[in-house]
All heavy atoms as atom14 arrays in JSON, in Angstrom:
{
  "sequence": "LVEEAVKDPAVKGIWCVPKYSNPDGVIYSEDTIQRFANLNA",
  "atom14_mask": [
    [1, 1, 1, 1, 1, 1, 1, 1, 0, 0, 0, 0, 0, 0],
    [1, 1, 1, 1, 1, 1, 1, 0, 0, 0, 0, 0, 0, 0],
    [1, 1, 1, 1, 1, 1, 1, 1, 1, 0, 0, 0, 0, 0],
    [1, 1, 1, 1, 1, 1, 1, 1, 1, 0, 0, 0, 0, 0],
    [1, 1, 1, 1, 1, 0, 0, 0, 0, 0, 0, 0, 0, 0],
    [1, 1, 1, 1, 1, 1, 1, 0, 0, 0, 0, 0, 0, 0],
    [1, 1, 1, 1, 1, 1, 1, 1, 1, 0, 0, 0, 0, 0],
    [1, 1, 1, 1, 1, 1, 1, 1, 0, 0, 0, 0, 0, 0],
    [1, 1, 1, 1, 1, 1, 1, 0, 0, 0, 0, 0, 0, 0],
    [1, 1, 1, 1, 1, 0, 0, 0, 0, 0, 0, 0, 0, 0],
    [1, 1, 1, 1, 1, 1, 1, 0, 0, 0, 0, 0, 0, 0],
    [1, 1, 1, 1, 1, 1, 1, 1, 1, 0, 0, 0, 0, 0],
    [1, 1, 1, 1, 0, 0, 0, 0, 0, 0, 0, 0, 0, 0],
    [1, 1, 1, 1, 1, 1, 1, 1, 0, 0, 0, 0, 0, 0],
    [1, 1, 1, 1, 1, 1, 1, 1, 1, 1, 1, 1, 1, 1],
    [1, 1, 1, 1, 1, 1, 0, 0, 0, 0, 0, 0, 0, 0],
    [1, 1, 1, 1, 1, 1, 1, 0, 0, 0, 0, 0, 0, 0],
    [1, 1, 1, 1, 1, 1, 1, 0, 0, 0, 0, 0, 0, 0],
    [1, 1, 1, 1, 1, 1, 1, 1, 1, 0, 0, 0, 0, 0],
    [1, 1, 1, 1, 1, 1, 1, 1, 1, 1, 1, 1, 0, 0],
    [1, 1, 1, 1, 1, 1, 0, 0, 0, 0, 0, 0, 0, 0],
    [1, 1, 1, 1, 1, 1, 1, 1, 0, 0, 0, 0, 0, 0],
    [1, 1, 1, 1, 1, 1, 1, 0, 0, 0, 0, 0, 0, 0],
    [1, 1, 1, 1, 1, 1, 1, 1, 0, 0, 0, 0, 0, 0],
    [1, 1, 1, 1, 0, 0, 0, 0, 0, 0, 0, 0, 0, 0],
    [1, 1, 1, 1, 1, 1, 1, 0, 0, 0, 0, 0, 0, 0],
    [1, 1, 1, 1, 1, 1, 1, 1, 0, 0, 0, 0, 0, 0],
    [1, 1, 1, 1, 1, 1, 1, 1, 1, 1, 1, 1, 0, 0],
    [1, 1, 1, 1, 1, 1, 0, 0, 0, 0, 0, 0, 0, 0],
    [1, 1, 1, 1, 1, 1, 1, 1, 1, 0, 0, 0, 0, 0],
    [1, 1, 1, 1, 1, 1, 1, 1, 0, 0, 0, 0, 0, 0],
    [1, 1, 1, 1, 1, 1, 1, 0, 0, 0, 0, 0, 0, 0],
    [1, 1, 1, 1, 1, 1, 1, 1, 0, 0, 0, 0, 0, 0],
    [1, 1, 1, 1, 1, 1, 1, 1, 1, 0, 0, 0, 0, 0],
    [1, 1, 1, 1, 1, 1, 1, 1, 1, 1, 1, 0, 0, 0],
    [1, 1, 1, 1, 1, 1, 1, 1, 1, 1, 1, 0, 0, 0],
    [1, 1, 1, 1, 1, 0, 0, 0, 0, 0, 0, 0, 0, 0],
    [1, 1, 1, 1, 1, 1, 1, 1, 0, 0, 0, 0, 0, 0],
    [1, 1, 1, 1, 1, 1, 1, 1, 0, 0, 0, 0, 0, 0],
    [1, 1, 1, 1, 1, 1, 1, 1, 0, 0, 0, 0, 0, 0],
    [1, 1, 1, 1, 1, 0, 0, 0, 0, 0, 0, 0, 0, 0]
  ],
  "atom14_positions": [
    [[23.78, -24.76, 69.58], [24.22, -26.12, 69.39], [25.04, -26.27, 68.08], [26.03, -27.03, 68.06], [23.0, -27.07, 69.27], [22.23, -27.28, 70.57], [20.99, -28.21, 70.32], [23.09, -27.76, 71.67], [0.0, 0.0, 0.0], [0.0, 0.0, 0.0], [0.0, 0.0, 0.0], [0.0, 0.0, 0.0], [0.0, 0.0, 0.0], [0.0, 0.0, 0.0]],
    [[24.7, -25.53, 67.05], [25.46, -25.59, 65.8], [26.89, -25.07, 66.05], [27.85, -25.71, 65.63], [24.76, -24.75, 64.68], [25.71, -24.57, 63.46], [23.45, -25.35, 64.29], [0.0, 0.0, 0.0], [0.0, 0.0, 0.0], [0.0, 0.0, 0.0], [0.0, 0.0, 0.0], [0.0, 0.0, 0.0], [0.0, 0.0, 0.0], [0.0, 0.0, 0.0]],
    [[26.98, -23.97, 66.73], [28.33, -23.39, 67.0], [29.16, -24.28, 67.84], [30.4, -24.33, 67.64], [28.14, -21.98, 67.66], [27.64, -20.96, 66.66], [27.12, -19.68, 67.32], [26.94, -19.68, 68.57], [26.83, -18.7, 66.63], [0.0, 0.0, 0.0], [0.0, 0.0, 0.0], [0.0, 0.0, 0.0], [0.0, 0.0, 0.0], [0.0, 0.0, 0.0]],
    [[28.56, -25.04, 68.76], [29.3, -25.95, 69.55], [29.69, -27.18, 68.74], [30.83, -27.66, 68.83], [28.46, -26.41, 70.75], [29.17, -27.32, 71.77], [30.38, -26.7, 72.4], [30.39, -25.46, 72.56], [31.31, -27.45, 72.73], [0.0, 0.0, 0.0], [0.0, 0.0, 0.0], [0.0, 0.0, 0.0], [0.0, 0.0, 0.0], [0.0, 0.0, 0.0]],
    [[28.76, -27.66, 67.9], [28.99, -28.89, 67.15], [30.17, -28.72, 66.16], [30.94, -29.66, 65.88], [27.71, -29.3, 66.42], [0.0, 0.0, 0.0], [0.0, 0.0, 0.0], [0.0, 0.0, 0.0], [0.0, 0.0, 0.0], [0.0, 0.0, 0.0], [0.0, 0.0, 0.0], [0.0, 0.0, 0.0], [0.0, 0.0, 0.0], [0.0, 0.0, 0.0]],
    [[30.3, -27.54, 65.5], [31.33, -27.39, 64.47], [32.7, -27.26, 65.02], [33.66, -27.2, 64.25], [31.0, -26.12, 63.56], [29.62, -26.27, 62.9], [31.09, -24.81, 64.35], [0.0, 0.0, 0.0], [0.0, 0.0, 0.0], [0.0, 0.0, 0.0], [0.0, 0.0, 0.0], [0.0, 0.0, 0.0], [0.0, 0.0, 0.0], [0.0, 0.0, 0.0]],
    [[32.87, -27.34, 66.37], [34.2, -27.41, 66.94], [34.82, -28.76, 66.7], [36.02, -28.96, 66.85], [34.13, -27.07, 68.44], [33.68, -25.67, 68.77], [33.57, -25.46, 70.26], [33.07, -24.07, 70.62], [32.88, -23.85, 72.09], [0.0, 0.0, 0.0], [0.0, 0.0, 0.0], [0.0, 0.0, 0.0], [0.0, 0.0, 0.0], [0.0, 0.0, 0.0]],
    [[33.99, -29.72, 66.36], [34.44, -31.14, 66.03], [34.89, -31.15, 64.56], [34.06, -30.91, 63.67], [33.31, -32.08, 66.32], [33.65, -33.51, 66.07], [34.8, -33.77, 65.5], [32.87, -34.43, 66.38], [0.0, 0.0, 0.0], [0.0, 0.0, 0.0], [0.0, 0.0, 0.0], [0.0, 0.0, 0.0], [0.0, 0.0, 0.0], [0.0, 0.0, 0.0]],
    [[36.12, -31.43, 64.26], [36.58, -31.45, 62.85], [35.9, -32.53, 62.03], [35.99, -32.46, 60.75], [38.09, -31.68, 62.99], [38.28, -32.24, 64.32], [37.22, -31.71, 65.2], [0.0, 0.0, 0.0], [0.0, 0.0, 0.0], [0.0, 0.0, 0.0], [0.0, 0.0, 0.0], [0.0, 0.0, 0.0], [0.0, 0.0, 0.0], [0.0, 0.0, 0.0]],
    [[35.23, -33.49, 62.63], [34.59, -34.54, 61.88], [33.24, -34.01, 61.36], [32.66, -34.65, 60.48], [34.33, -35.78, 62.75], [0.0, 0.0, 0.0], [0.0, 0.0, 0.0], [0.0, 0.0, 0.0], [0.0, 0.0, 0.0], [0.0, 0.0, 0.0], [0.0, 0.0, 0.0], [0.0, 0.0, 0.0], [0.0, 0.0, 0.0], [0.0, 0.0, 0.0]],
    [[32.71, -32.88, 61.89], [31.49, -32.31, 61.43], [31.79, -31.54, 60.13], [32.44, -30.53, 60.13], [30.88, -31.43, 62.46], [29.65, -30.7, 61.88], [30.46, -32.21, 63.71], [0.0, 0.0, 0.0], [0.0, 0.0, 0.0], [0.0, 0.0, 0.0], [0.0, 0.0, 0.0], [0.0, 0.0, 0.0], [0.0, 0.0, 0.0], [0.0, 0.0, 0.0]],
    [[31.27, -32.05, 59.04], [31.59, -31.53, 57.72], [30.52, -30.59, 57.1], [30.85, -29.9, 56.12], [31.84, -32.67, 56.73], [33.07, -33.53, 57.0], [34.37, -32.75, 56.8], [35.59, -33.69, 56.87], [36.79, -32.97, 56.58], [0.0, 0.0, 0.0], [0.0, 0.0, 0.0], [0.0, 0.0, 0.0], [0.0, 0.0, 0.0], [0.0, 0.0, 0.0]],
    [[29.34, -30.56, 57.66], [28.37, -29.67, 57.07], [26.97, -29.78, 57.72], [26.77, -30.42, 58.76], [0.0, 0.0, 0.0], [0.0, 0.0, 0.0], [0.0, 0.0, 0.0], [0.0, 0.0, 0.0], [0.0, 0.0, 0.0], [0.0, 0.0, 0.0], [0.0, 0.0, 0.0], [0.0, 0.0, 0.0], [0.0, 0.0, 0.0], [0.0, 0.0, 0.0]],
    [[26.11, -29.0, 57.13], [24.74, -28.89, 57.65], [23.74, -28.65, 56.5], [24.06, -27.96, 55.53], [24.61, -27.73, 58.72], [23.24, -27.66, 59.39], [24.99, -26.38, 58.06], [23.15, -26.71, 60.53], [0.0, 0.0, 0.0], [0.0, 0.0, 0.0], [0.0, 0.0, 0.0], [0.0, 0.0, 0.0], [0.0, 0.0, 0.0], [0.0, 0.0, 0.0]],
    [[22.57, -29.26, 56.68], [21.45, -28.97, 55.72], [20.66, -27.74, 56.19], [20.44, -27.61, 57.44], [20.54, -30.16, 55.66], [21.01, -31.41, 55.02], [21.32, -32.59, 55.58], [21.37, -31.55, 53.64], [21.78, -33.53, 54.66], [21.87, -32.84, 53.43], [21.35, -30.62, 52.52], [22.24, -33.34, 52.22], [21.75, -31.13, 51.27], [22.21, -32.45, 51.13]],
    [[20.27, -26.9, 55.3], [19.45, -25.74, 55.63], [18.42, -25.46, 54.57], [18.7, -25.57, 53.37], [20.34, -24.49, 55.75], [21.42, -24.5, 57.13], [0.0, 0.0, 0.0], [0.0, 0.0, 0.0], [0.0, 0.0, 0.0], [0.0, 0.0, 0.0], [0.0, 0.0, 0.0], [0.0, 0.0, 0.0], [0.0, 0.0, 0.0], [0.0, 0.0, 0.0]],
    [[17.17, -25.22, 55.03], [16.13, -24.68, 54.13], [15.75, -23.37, 54.8], [14.92, -23.27, 55.62], [14.94, -25.61, 54.03], [13.89, -25.03, 53.1], [15.36, -27.03, 53.58], [0.0, 0.0, 0.0], [0.0, 0.0, 0.0], [0.0, 0.0, 0.0], [0.0, 0.0, 0.0], [0.0, 0.0, 0.0], [0.0, 0.0, 0.0], [0.0, 0.0, 0.0]],
    [[16.41, -22.24, 54.34], [16.38, -20.99, 55.18], [15.1, -20.21, 55.08], [14.88, -19.35, 55.92], [17.59, -20.25, 54.58], [17.66, -20.74, 53.18], [17.32, -22.15, 53.23], [0.0, 0.0, 0.0], [0.0, 0.0, 0.0], [0.0, 0.0, 0.0], [0.0, 0.0, 0.0], [0.0, 0.0, 0.0], [0.0, 0.0, 0.0], [0.0, 0.0, 0.0]],
    [[14.32, -20.38, 54.07], [13.1, -19.61, 53.93], [11.9, -20.56, 53.73], [11.9, -21.41, 52.84], [13.21, -18.61, 52.73], [12.03, -17.66, 52.68], [12.17, -16.67, 51.53], [10.96, -15.76, 51.37], [11.07, -14.8, 50.23], [0.0, 0.0, 0.0], [0.0, 0.0, 0.0], [0.0, 0.0, 0.0], [0.0, 0.0, 0.0], [0.0, 0.0, 0.0]],
    [[10.93, -20.45, 54.66], [9.75, -21.33, 54.67], [10.3, -22.8, 54.75], [10.01, -23.63, 53.91], [8.87, -21.14, 53.46], [8.39, -19.73, 53.33], [8.51, -18.98, 52.15], [7.78, -19.08, 54.43], [8.06, -17.69, 52.05], [7.32, -17.76, 54.31], [7.47, -17.07, 53.13], [7.06, -15.8, 53.07], [0.0, 0.0, 0.0], [0.0, 0.0, 0.0]],
    [[10.98, -23.07, 55.84], [11.68, -24.36, 55.99], [10.67, -25.49, 55.88], [9.47, -25.38, 56.19], [12.33, -24.38, 57.39], [11.43, -24.4, 58.43], [0.0, 0.0, 0.0], [0.0, 0.0, 0.0], [0.0, 0.0, 0.0], [0.0, 0.0, 0.0], [0.0, 0.0, 0.0], [0.0, 0.0, 0.0], [0.0, 0.0, 0.0], [0.0, 0.0, 0.0]],
    [[11.23, -26.6, 55.37], [10.44, -27.85, 55.25], [10.65, -28.65, 56.49], [11.79, -29.1, 56.75], [10.94, -28.58, 54.02], [10.29, -29.92, 53.77], [9.51, -30.35, 54.52], [10.59, -30.51, 52.6], [0.0, 0.0, 0.0], [0.0, 0.0, 0.0], [0.0, 0.0, 0.0], [0.0, 0.0, 0.0], [0.0, 0.0, 0.0], [0.0, 0.0, 0.0]],
    [[9.63, -28.92, 57.34], [8.2, -28.61, 57.14], [7.67, -27.46, 57.93], [6.47, -27.1, 57.73], [7.55, -29.92, 57.64], [8.39, -30.33, 58.83], [9.81, -29.89, 58.46], [0.0, 0.0, 0.0], [0.0, 0.0, 0.0], [0.0, 0.0, 0.0], [0.0, 0.0, 0.0], [0.0, 0.0, 0.0], [0.0, 0.0, 0.0], [0.0, 0.0, 0.0]],
    [[8.47, -26.85, 58.81], [7.85, -25.89, 59.75], [7.47, -24.55, 59.13], [6.72, -23.79, 59.75], [8.85, -25.63, 60.91], [8.94, -26.71, 61.89], [8.03, -27.57, 61.89], [9.84, -26.73, 62.77], [0.0, 0.0, 0.0], [0.0, 0.0, 0.0], [0.0, 0.0, 0.0], [0.0, 0.0, 0.0], [0.0, 0.0, 0.0], [0.0, 0.0, 0.0]],
    [[8.0, -24.23, 57.97], [7.66, -22.91, 57.36], [8.37, -21.74, 58.05], [7.91, -20.59, 57.93], [0.0, 0.0, 0.0], [0.0, 0.0, 0.0], [0.0, 0.0, 0.0], [0.0, 0.0, 0.0], [0.0, 0.0, 0.0], [0.0, 0.0, 0.0], [0.0, 0.0, 0.0], [0.0, 0.0, 0.0], [0.0, 0.0, 0.0], [0.0, 0.0, 0.0]],
    [[9.48, -21.99, 58.75], [10.24, -20.97, 59.45], [11.12, -20.16, 58.47], [11.73, -20.78, 57.59], [11.09, -21.65, 60.51], [12.08, -20.61, 61.12], [10.26, -22.2, 61.58], [0.0, 0.0, 0.0], [0.0, 0.0, 0.0], [0.0, 0.0, 0.0], [0.0, 0.0, 0.0], [0.0, 0.0, 0.0], [0.0, 0.0, 0.0], [0.0, 0.0, 0.0]],
    [[11.13, -18.86, 58.64], [12.15, -18.03, 57.93], [13.27, -17.74, 58.87], [13.04, -17.19, 59.99], [11.47, -16.69, 57.51], [10.37, -16.95, 56.51], [12.53, -15.8, 56.87], [9.6, -15.71, 56.04], [0.0, 0.0, 0.0], [0.0, 0.0, 0.0], [0.0, 0.0, 0.0], [0.0, 0.0, 0.0], [0.0, 0.0, 0.0], [0.0, 0.0, 0.0]],
    [[14.47, -18.16, 58.52], [15.6, -17.92, 59.4], [15.74, -16.42, 59.69], [15.58, -15.58, 58.76], [16.92, -18.35, 58.75], [17.07, -19.9, 58.63], [16.07, -20.79, 58.83], [18.35, -20.4, 58.25], [16.31, -22.14, 58.69], [18.61, -21.73, 58.14], [17.54, -22.61, 58.35], [17.74, -23.95, 58.18], [0.0, 0.0, 0.0], [0.0, 0.0, 0.0]],
    [[15.92, -16.06, 60.95], [16.14, -14.71, 61.31], [17.46, -14.12, 60.8], [18.37, -14.88, 60.49], [16.06, -14.58, 62.81], [17.19, -15.14, 63.42], [0.0, 0.0, 0.0], [0.0, 0.0, 0.0], [0.0, 0.0, 0.0], [0.0, 0.0, 0.0], [0.0, 0.0, 0.0], [0.0, 0.0, 0.0], [0.0, 0.0, 0.0], [0.0, 0.0, 0.0]],
    [[17.57, -12.85, 60.76], [18.81, -12.17, 60.34], [19.96, -12.55, 61.23], [21.07, -12.76, 60.78], [18.67, -10.65, 60.28], [17.75, -10.18, 59.15], [17.79, -8.66, 58.97], [18.69, -8.01, 59.55], [16.89, -8.13, 58.3], [0.0, 0.0, 0.0], [0.0, 0.0, 0.0], [0.0, 0.0, 0.0], [0.0, 0.0, 0.0], [0.0, 0.0, 0.0]],
    [[19.7, -12.66, 62.54], [20.73, -13.08, 63.48], [21.19, -14.48, 63.24], [22.38, -14.76, 63.22], [20.16, -12.97, 64.9], [21.19, -13.44, 65.94], [22.25, -12.73, 66.12], [21.04, -14.47, 66.56], [0.0, 0.0, 0.0], [0.0, 0.0, 0.0], [0.0, 0.0, 0.0], [0.0, 0.0, 0.0], [0.0, 0.0, 0.0], [0.0, 0.0, 0.0]],
    [[20.24, -15.39, 62.95], [20.65, -16.75, 62.62], [21.46, -16.85, 61.35], [22.54, -17.51, 61.33], [19.35, -17.6, 62.39], [18.67, -17.75, 63.66], [19.73, -19.01, 61.9], [0.0, 0.0, 0.0], [0.0, 0.0, 0.0], [0.0, 0.0, 0.0], [0.0, 0.0, 0.0], [0.0, 0.0, 0.0], [0.0, 0.0, 0.0], [0.0, 0.0, 0.0]],
    [[21.11, -16.08, 60.32], [21.91, -16.09, 59.09], [23.31, -15.5, 59.29], [24.23, -16.01, 58.74], [21.09, -15.3, 57.97], [19.79, -16.05, 57.67], [21.92, -15.22, 56.71], [18.84, -15.22, 56.83], [0.0, 0.0, 0.0], [0.0, 0.0, 0.0], [0.0, 0.0, 0.0], [0.0, 0.0, 0.0], [0.0, 0.0, 0.0], [0.0, 0.0, 0.0]],
    [[23.34, -14.43, 60.07], [24.66, -13.85, 60.35], [25.54, -14.83, 61.14], [26.76, -14.93, 60.83], [24.52, -12.56, 61.16], [24.04, -11.4, 60.37], [25.14, -10.85, 59.43], [26.28, -11.21, 59.51], [24.78, -9.87, 58.61], [0.0, 0.0, 0.0], [0.0, 0.0, 0.0], [0.0, 0.0, 0.0], [0.0, 0.0, 0.0], [0.0, 0.0, 0.0]],
    [[24.93, -15.59, 62.04], [25.71, -16.56, 62.81], [26.14, -17.74, 61.89], [27.31, -18.22, 62.11], [24.88, -17.08, 63.95], [24.7, -16.01, 65.03], [23.75, -16.5, 66.19], [24.35, -17.45, 67.08], [23.78, -17.91, 68.19], [22.53, -17.45, 68.46], [24.38, -18.82, 68.97], [0.0, 0.0, 0.0], [0.0, 0.0, 0.0], [0.0, 0.0, 0.0]],
    [[25.39, -18.09, 60.93], [25.85, -19.05, 59.94], [27.08, -18.52, 59.18], [28.07, -19.24, 59.01], [24.74, -19.37, 58.97], [23.95, -20.6, 59.36], [22.61, -20.47, 59.72], [24.53, -21.84, 59.43], [21.87, -21.61, 60.05], [23.8, -22.98, 59.77], [22.45, -22.86, 60.1], [0.0, 0.0, 0.0], [0.0, 0.0, 0.0], [0.0, 0.0, 0.0]],
    [[26.99, -17.31, 58.7], [28.06, -16.67, 57.92], [29.37, -16.58, 58.76], [30.44, -16.66, 58.2], [27.61, -15.3, 57.42], [0.0, 0.0, 0.0], [0.0, 0.0, 0.0], [0.0, 0.0, 0.0], [0.0, 0.0, 0.0], [0.0, 0.0, 0.0], [0.0, 0.0, 0.0], [0.0, 0.0, 0.0], [0.0, 0.0, 0.0], [0.0, 0.0, 0.0]],
    [[29.21, -16.44, 60.05], [30.37, -16.26, 60.91], [30.82, -17.53, 61.61], [31.64, -17.46, 62.61], [30.08, -15.17, 61.93], [30.12, -13.77, 61.35], [31.16, -13.18, 61.19], [28.95, -13.26, 60.97], [0.0, 0.0, 0.0], [0.0, 0.0, 0.0], [0.0, 0.0, 0.0], [0.0, 0.0, 0.0], [0.0, 0.0, 0.0], [0.0, 0.0, 0.0]],
    [[30.24, -18.67, 61.21], [30.68, -19.88, 61.83], [32.21, -20.15, 61.7], [32.78, -19.96, 60.59], [30.01, -21.14, 61.22], [28.53, -21.36, 61.69], [27.94, -22.57, 60.88], [28.49, -21.7, 63.18], [0.0, 0.0, 0.0], [0.0, 0.0, 0.0], [0.0, 0.0, 0.0], [0.0, 0.0, 0.0], [0.0, 0.0, 0.0], [0.0, 0.0, 0.0]],
    [[32.88, -20.51, 62.77], [34.29, -20.83, 62.73], [34.38, -22.36, 62.97], [34.53, -22.81, 64.09], [35.04, -20.05, 63.82], [35.17, -18.59, 63.44], [35.57, -18.26, 62.37], [34.75, -17.73, 64.4], [0.0, 0.0, 0.0], [0.0, 0.0, 0.0], [0.0, 0.0, 0.0], [0.0, 0.0, 0.0], [0.0, 0.0, 0.0], [0.0, 0.0, 0.0]],
    [[34.3, -23.14, 61.89], [34.28, -24.54, 61.98], [35.68, -25.1, 62.03], [36.65, -24.57, 61.41], [33.52, -25.16, 60.75], [0.0, 0.0, 0.0], [0.0, 0.0, 0.0], [0.0, 0.0, 0.0], [0.0, 0.0, 0.0], [0.0, 0.0, 0.0], [0.0, 0.0, 0.0], [0.0, 0.0, 0.0], [0.0, 0.0, 0.0], [0.0, 0.0, 0.0]]
  ]
}
C-alpha cells in the first residue's frame, strides 16, 4: 500500500516508529526497511 500510495505526488511523507513500534511493539523487518530505502516517490 505504501509503494502504491507514493505514486501520488501529493503524498509528501510517512510516520515510522521502526523498532518496537508504538503501540504494537513491531520491529520492522529487513525487507520492509529495504523497501522504504528503495521507495520511488
